C-alpha cells in the first residue's frame, strides 16, 4: 500500500481545498527555498562545528516572515526542530 493511499484512508481528500492550496504554491519560491537550504551546511559533525542549527533558523525566519507561528525546540544540543503552525 502506498503512502498516499494510507493518507487518503486517514484523511479524506477535500478536492476543492487541495486544489486551492496547490494553486497558491509559487514554484519559483519553492525552487528558491530549496536552493537556499541546499547551500546551508547542515551536516551533523560536532568535530567540525556544523549541524542543523543554521538550516532550522533559516526555515523559522522564513515561516515567521509569512506570518506563521514558529517554535524552535532543541531536541539535542545543536539539533533543533522547527514547529510551524
Protein backbone atom coordinates (compact mmCIF):
# COMPACT_ATOMS: atom_id res chain seq x y z
CA UNK A 1 0.00 0.00 0.00
CA UNK A 2 1.42 3.39 -0.98
CA UNK A 3 1.78 6.25 1.47
CA UNK A 4 -0.75 8.34 -0.46
CA UNK A 5 -3.33 5.56 -0.19
CA UNK A 6 -2.78 5.36 3.57
CA UNK A 7 -3.18 9.12 3.91
CA UNK A 8 -6.44 9.05 1.96
CA UNK A 9 -7.82 6.43 4.32
CA UNK A 10 -6.89 8.51 7.36
CA UNK A 11 -7.94 11.89 5.97
CA UNK A 12 -10.41 12.03 3.09
CA UNK A 13 -9.14 14.45 0.50
CA UNK A 14 -11.09 17.67 0.08
CA UNK A 15 -10.57 18.23 -3.65
CA UNK A 16 -11.52 21.92 -3.67
CA UNK A 17 -9.34 22.72 -0.68
CA UNK A 18 -6.45 20.67 -2.06
CA UNK A 19 -6.71 22.44 -5.42
CA UNK A 20 -6.80 25.81 -3.67
CA UNK A 21 -3.62 25.01 -1.74
CA UNK A 22 -1.84 23.63 -4.79
CA UNK A 23 -2.66 26.65 -6.96
CA UNK A 24 -1.36 29.02 -4.26
CA UNK A 25 2.12 27.46 -4.34
CA UNK A 26 4.69 29.53 -6.21
CA UNK A 27 7.03 27.06 -7.94
CA UNK A 28 9.82 29.66 -8.19
CA UNK A 29 9.60 30.30 -4.44
CA UNK A 30 9.84 26.56 -3.75
CA UNK A 31 12.88 26.30 -6.02
CA UNK A 32 14.47 29.31 -4.33
CA UNK A 33 13.83 27.92 -0.85
CA UNK A 34 15.27 24.57 -1.85
CA UNK A 35 18.36 26.19 -3.40
CA UNK A 36 18.91 28.28 -0.26
CA UNK A 37 18.57 25.26 2.03
CA UNK A 38 20.99 23.19 -0.05
CA UNK A 39 23.62 25.93 0.37
CA UNK A 40 23.43 25.71 4.17
CA UNK A 41 25.84 23.15 5.59
CA UNK A 42 23.54 21.15 7.86
CA UNK A 43 25.66 18.02 8.15
CA UNK A 44 25.82 16.95 11.79
CA UNK A 45 29.53 17.00 12.60
CA UNK A 46 30.31 18.26 16.10
CA UNK A 47 34.03 17.98 15.44
CA UNK A 48 33.78 20.40 12.53
CA UNK A 49 31.26 22.58 14.34
CA UNK A 50 28.47 22.03 11.83
CA UNK A 51 24.90 20.94 12.42
CA UNK A 52 21.27 21.70 11.72
CA UNK A 53 21.01 24.97 13.67
CA UNK A 54 21.54 27.33 10.70
CA UNK A 55 19.06 25.47 8.48
CA UNK A 56 16.45 25.40 11.26
CA UNK A 57 16.87 29.13 11.87
CA UNK A 58 16.52 29.84 8.14
CA UNK A 59 13.27 27.88 7.96
CA UNK A 60 11.98 29.50 11.14
CA UNK A 61 12.74 33.02 9.87
CA UNK A 62 11.01 32.29 6.55
CA UNK A 63 7.91 30.92 8.24
CA UNK A 64 7.83 33.86 10.65
CA UNK A 65 8.08 36.28 7.71
CA UNK A 66 4.96 34.61 6.27
CA UNK A 67 3.08 35.36 9.49
CA UNK A 68 3.08 31.78 10.78
CA UNK A 69 3.59 30.80 14.40
CA UNK A 70 7.07 29.33 14.81
CA UNK A 71 8.73 27.46 17.64
CA UNK A 72 12.29 26.16 17.71
CA UNK A 73 12.69 23.22 20.05
CA UNK A 74 16.15 21.83 20.74
CA UNK A 75 15.81 18.05 20.87
CA UNK A 76 19.55 17.62 21.42
CA UNK A 77 22.41 20.08 21.75
CA UNK A 78 22.63 21.93 18.42
CA UNK A 79 19.86 19.82 16.88
CA UNK A 80 16.67 21.87 16.79
CA UNK A 81 13.36 21.05 15.23
CA UNK A 82 11.11 23.71 13.77
CA UNK A 83 7.42 23.63 14.61
CA UNK A 84 5.27 25.79 12.35
CA UNK A 85 1.53 26.30 12.74
